[in-house]
N, C-alpha and C. Protein backbone atom coordinates (compact mmCIF):
# COMPACT_ATOMS: atom_id res chain seq x y z
N MET A 1 -31.80 5.93 -10.22
CA MET A 1 -30.60 5.64 -10.08
C MET A 1 -30.13 5.63 -8.69
N TYR A 2 -29.68 4.18 -8.51
CA TYR A 2 -29.03 4.00 -7.31
C TYR A 2 -27.56 4.14 -7.09
N HIS A 3 -26.77 4.28 -6.33
CA HIS A 3 -25.18 4.49 -5.95
C HIS A 3 -24.72 3.50 -4.80
N ILE A 4 -24.30 2.64 -5.07
CA ILE A 4 -23.90 1.38 -4.28
C ILE A 4 -22.50 1.51 -4.10
N GLN A 5 -21.85 1.76 -2.99
CA GLN A 5 -20.30 1.36 -2.93
C GLN A 5 -19.99 0.37 -2.08
N TRP A 6 -19.37 -0.35 -2.73
CA TRP A 6 -19.05 -1.78 -2.23
C TRP A 6 -17.70 -1.64 -1.55
N GLN A 7 -17.51 -2.14 -0.31
CA GLN A 7 -16.14 -1.97 0.41
C GLN A 7 -15.61 -3.35 0.37
N VAL A 8 -14.49 -3.66 -0.17
CA VAL A 8 -13.76 -5.09 0.21
C VAL A 8 -12.48 -4.64 0.80
N ILE A 9 -12.54 -5.50 2.15
CA ILE A 9 -11.30 -5.70 2.53
C ILE A 9 -10.17 -6.36 2.00
N ILE A 10 -9.11 -5.82 1.30
CA ILE A 10 -8.16 -6.56 0.28
C ILE A 10 -6.97 -7.23 1.33
N SER A 11 -6.02 -7.82 0.75
CA SER A 11 -4.65 -7.85 1.50
C SER A 11 -3.77 -6.84 1.45
N SER A 12 -3.09 -6.77 2.29
CA SER A 12 -1.87 -5.35 2.18
C SER A 12 -1.33 -5.68 1.00
N LYS A 13 -1.02 -6.91 0.47
CA LYS A 13 -0.29 -7.05 -1.06
C LYS A 13 -1.11 -6.17 -2.06
N TRP A 14 -2.23 -6.24 -2.41
CA TRP A 14 -3.20 -5.73 -3.29
C TRP A 14 -3.19 -4.43 -2.90
N GLY A 15 -3.60 -4.01 -1.48
CA GLY A 15 -3.75 -2.83 -1.54
C GLY A 15 -2.32 -1.99 -1.71
N LEU A 16 -1.31 -2.61 -1.18
CA LEU A 16 -0.01 -1.63 -1.73
C LEU A 16 0.33 -1.52 -3.20
N ASN A 17 0.00 -2.63 -3.81
CA ASN A 17 -0.15 -2.41 -5.32
C ASN A 17 -1.07 -1.73 -5.89
N ILE A 18 -2.22 -1.58 -5.38
CA ILE A 18 -2.82 -0.27 -6.20
C ILE A 18 -2.50 0.90 -5.74
N THR A 19 -2.12 1.31 -4.61
CA THR A 19 -1.46 2.65 -4.05
C THR A 19 -0.46 3.09 -4.82
N LEU A 20 0.39 2.08 -5.27
CA LEU A 20 1.65 2.46 -5.86
C LEU A 20 1.32 2.69 -7.28
N ILE A 21 0.21 1.92 -7.78
CA ILE A 21 -0.13 2.29 -9.13
C ILE A 21 -0.78 3.77 -9.30
N LYS A 22 -2.00 3.95 -8.31
CA LYS A 22 -2.13 5.37 -8.30
C LYS A 22 -1.22 6.55 -7.84
N ARG A 23 -0.04 5.95 -7.36
CA ARG A 23 0.81 7.19 -7.11
C ARG A 23 1.97 7.11 -8.11
N GLU A 24 1.54 6.36 -9.07
CA GLU A 24 2.58 6.20 -10.27
C GLU A 24 4.10 5.94 -9.89
N MET A 25 4.08 5.13 -8.73
CA MET A 25 5.62 4.59 -8.24
C MET A 25 5.91 3.12 -8.37
N THR A 26 6.89 2.98 -8.74
CA THR A 26 7.56 1.71 -9.18
C THR A 26 7.70 0.89 -7.86
N GLN A 27 7.62 -0.64 -7.64
CA GLN A 27 8.40 -1.15 -6.49
C GLN A 27 9.62 -0.70 -5.89
N LYS A 28 10.46 -0.85 -7.24
CA LYS A 28 11.68 -0.48 -7.08
C LYS A 28 12.17 1.02 -6.52
N ALA A 29 11.63 1.63 -6.95
CA ALA A 29 11.51 3.24 -6.28
C ALA A 29 11.05 3.24 -4.83
N LEU A 30 10.11 2.34 -4.61
CA LEU A 30 9.53 2.29 -3.13
C LEU A 30 10.77 1.39 -2.25
N ALA A 31 11.08 0.61 -2.81
CA ALA A 31 12.26 -0.20 -2.10
C ALA A 31 13.50 0.88 -1.67
N GLU A 32 13.74 1.53 -2.75
CA GLU A 32 15.06 2.30 -2.61
C GLU A 32 14.74 3.37 -1.58
N SER A 33 13.50 3.75 -1.39
CA SER A 33 13.14 4.86 -0.48
C SER A 33 13.25 4.18 0.94
N LEU A 34 12.89 2.93 0.94
CA LEU A 34 12.84 2.30 2.14
C LEU A 34 14.41 1.69 2.60
N GLY A 35 15.20 2.00 1.73
CA GLY A 35 16.62 1.35 2.07
C GLY A 35 16.43 -0.08 1.79
N MET A 36 15.76 -0.57 0.91
CA MET A 36 15.87 -2.08 0.64
C MET A 36 16.25 -2.42 -0.58
N SER A 37 16.41 -3.65 -1.29
CA SER A 37 16.59 -4.07 -2.68
C SER A 37 15.02 -4.40 -3.24
N ALA A 38 15.06 -3.93 -4.30
CA ALA A 38 13.80 -4.33 -4.90
C ALA A 38 13.25 -5.89 -4.78
N GLU A 39 14.26 -6.56 -4.77
CA GLU A 39 14.11 -7.92 -4.67
C GLU A 39 13.50 -8.36 -3.13
N SER A 40 13.94 -7.96 -2.31
CA SER A 40 13.29 -7.81 -0.66
C SER A 40 12.03 -7.64 -0.66
N LEU A 41 11.81 -6.18 -1.38
CA LEU A 41 10.68 -5.79 -1.09
C LEU A 41 9.76 -6.84 -1.86
N ASN A 42 9.81 -7.03 -3.34
CA ASN A 42 9.24 -7.91 -3.94
C ASN A 42 8.87 -9.44 -3.24
N ASN A 43 9.92 -9.69 -2.34
CA ASN A 43 9.68 -11.13 -1.66
C ASN A 43 8.75 -11.04 -0.53
N LYS A 44 8.92 -9.66 0.21
CA LYS A 44 8.07 -9.55 1.40
C LYS A 44 6.50 -9.36 0.81
N LEU A 45 6.42 -8.69 -0.28
CA LEU A 45 5.00 -8.51 -1.19
C LEU A 45 4.40 -9.87 -1.40
N ARG A 46 5.31 -10.60 -1.96
CA ARG A 46 4.84 -12.03 -2.59
C ARG A 46 4.34 -12.90 -1.50
N ARG A 47 5.17 -12.99 0.10
CA ARG A 47 4.67 -13.83 0.79
C ARG A 47 3.74 -13.21 1.86
N GLU A 48 3.84 -11.53 1.77
CA GLU A 48 2.76 -10.96 2.62
C GLU A 48 3.38 -11.07 3.85
N THR A 49 4.81 -10.94 4.53
CA THR A 49 5.15 -10.83 5.34
C THR A 49 5.48 -9.65 6.18
N PHE A 50 4.86 -8.30 5.88
CA PHE A 50 4.93 -7.26 6.47
C PHE A 50 4.40 -7.20 7.86
N ASP A 51 5.14 -6.52 8.58
CA ASP A 51 4.60 -6.30 9.92
C ASP A 51 3.93 -4.86 10.13
N THR A 52 2.73 -4.62 10.77
CA THR A 52 2.31 -3.16 10.82
C THR A 52 3.13 -2.11 10.64
N GLU A 53 4.19 -2.08 11.56
CA GLU A 53 5.05 -1.10 11.49
C GLU A 53 5.73 -0.63 10.07
N GLU A 54 5.82 -1.61 9.42
CA GLU A 54 6.46 -1.72 7.86
C GLU A 54 5.34 -1.09 7.14
N LEU A 55 4.16 -1.53 7.29
CA LEU A 55 2.98 -1.23 6.54
C LEU A 55 2.87 0.50 6.74
N GLU A 56 2.94 0.82 8.06
CA GLU A 56 2.92 2.39 8.06
C GLU A 56 3.90 2.98 7.69
N THR A 57 5.01 2.59 7.71
CA THR A 57 6.49 3.29 7.18
C THR A 57 6.06 3.28 5.59
N ILE A 58 5.57 2.18 5.11
CA ILE A 58 5.22 2.56 3.46
C ILE A 58 4.34 3.25 2.90
N ALA A 59 3.62 3.35 4.26
CA ALA A 59 2.08 4.17 3.55
C ALA A 59 2.98 5.63 3.91
N VAL A 60 3.56 5.75 4.85
CA VAL A 60 3.95 7.34 4.74
C VAL A 60 5.01 7.85 3.49
N LYS A 61 5.44 6.83 2.99
CA LYS A 61 6.36 7.15 1.68
C LYS A 61 5.54 7.25 0.50
N LEU A 62 4.33 6.73 0.88
CA LEU A 62 3.17 6.93 -0.37
C LEU A 62 2.17 8.05 0.00
N ASN A 63 2.61 8.93 0.86
CA ASN A 63 1.59 9.70 1.27
C ASN A 63 0.30 9.14 1.38
N SER A 64 0.17 8.40 2.19
CA SER A 64 -1.09 7.54 2.60
C SER A 64 -1.22 7.18 4.07
N THR A 65 -2.14 6.74 4.59
CA THR A 65 -2.36 6.11 5.93
C THR A 65 -2.61 4.76 5.71
N TYR A 66 -2.30 3.69 6.87
CA TYR A 66 -2.24 2.42 6.94
C TYR A 66 -3.01 2.01 8.17
N SER A 67 -3.94 1.51 8.13
CA SER A 67 -4.80 1.03 9.34
C SER A 67 -4.78 -0.40 9.40
N PHE A 68 -5.08 -0.64 10.92
CA PHE A 68 -5.01 -2.32 11.21
C PHE A 68 -5.67 -3.23 10.30
N ILE A 69 -6.88 -2.78 9.68
CA ILE A 69 -7.81 -3.42 8.96
C ILE A 69 -7.28 -3.75 7.77
N GLU A 70 -6.12 -3.35 7.42
CA GLU A 70 -5.33 -3.42 6.27
C GLU A 70 -5.96 -3.03 4.81
N ARG A 71 -5.85 -1.69 5.20
CA ARG A 71 -6.62 -0.52 4.04
C ARG A 71 -5.31 0.64 4.05
N PHE A 72 -5.42 1.15 2.81
CA PHE A 72 -4.56 2.14 2.66
C PHE A 72 -5.75 3.48 2.51
N LYS A 73 -5.24 4.68 2.83
CA LYS A 73 -5.81 5.64 2.67
C LYS A 73 -5.24 6.64 2.03
N MET A 74 -5.39 7.59 0.95
CA MET A 74 -4.71 8.20 0.34
C MET A 74 -4.96 9.60 0.83
N ASN A 75 -4.02 10.12 1.73
CA ASN A 75 -4.27 11.23 2.36
C ASN A 75 -4.45 12.67 1.57
N ASP A 76 -4.07 12.86 0.62
CA ASP A 76 -4.53 13.77 -0.32
C ASP A 76 -6.00 13.85 -0.95
N THR A 77 -6.37 12.64 -1.20
CA THR A 77 -7.67 12.32 -1.74
C THR A 77 -8.70 11.65 -1.05
N GLY A 78 -8.10 11.21 0.24
CA GLY A 78 -9.37 10.52 1.31
C GLY A 78 -9.54 9.10 0.53
N GLU A 79 -9.24 9.03 -0.26
CA GLU A 79 -9.71 7.56 -1.36
C GLU A 79 -9.07 6.49 -0.59
N GLU A 80 -10.02 5.35 -0.13
CA GLU A 80 -9.56 4.29 0.55
C GLU A 80 -9.70 3.05 -0.38
N ILE A 81 -8.11 2.28 -0.23
CA ILE A 81 -7.81 1.26 -0.96
C ILE A 81 -7.61 0.20 -0.35
C-alpha cells in the first residue's frame, strides 16, 4: 500500500475557515478577539482583502503560524492547512 500526501496551496479564505473549524472557533469569536465586527471580518474573508500582517495576527489568535505561501500551520499539531 502506498501513502500519497497531496499538498494543495489554497487561498487564505479557505485556509482560515478550515483552521477556524479545527480550532472550534466561530468567525464572530475571532472578530471579537481582533477588535473588529463580525461583519467586517466576513467582508474581508469574502473579498480576500487581508494583508500579510493581518493574517499573521489572525494566526496568532488561532495558535497557528501563517506563511507567505498562504498556508496556516497549527503550532500544537504541526498540521499545515
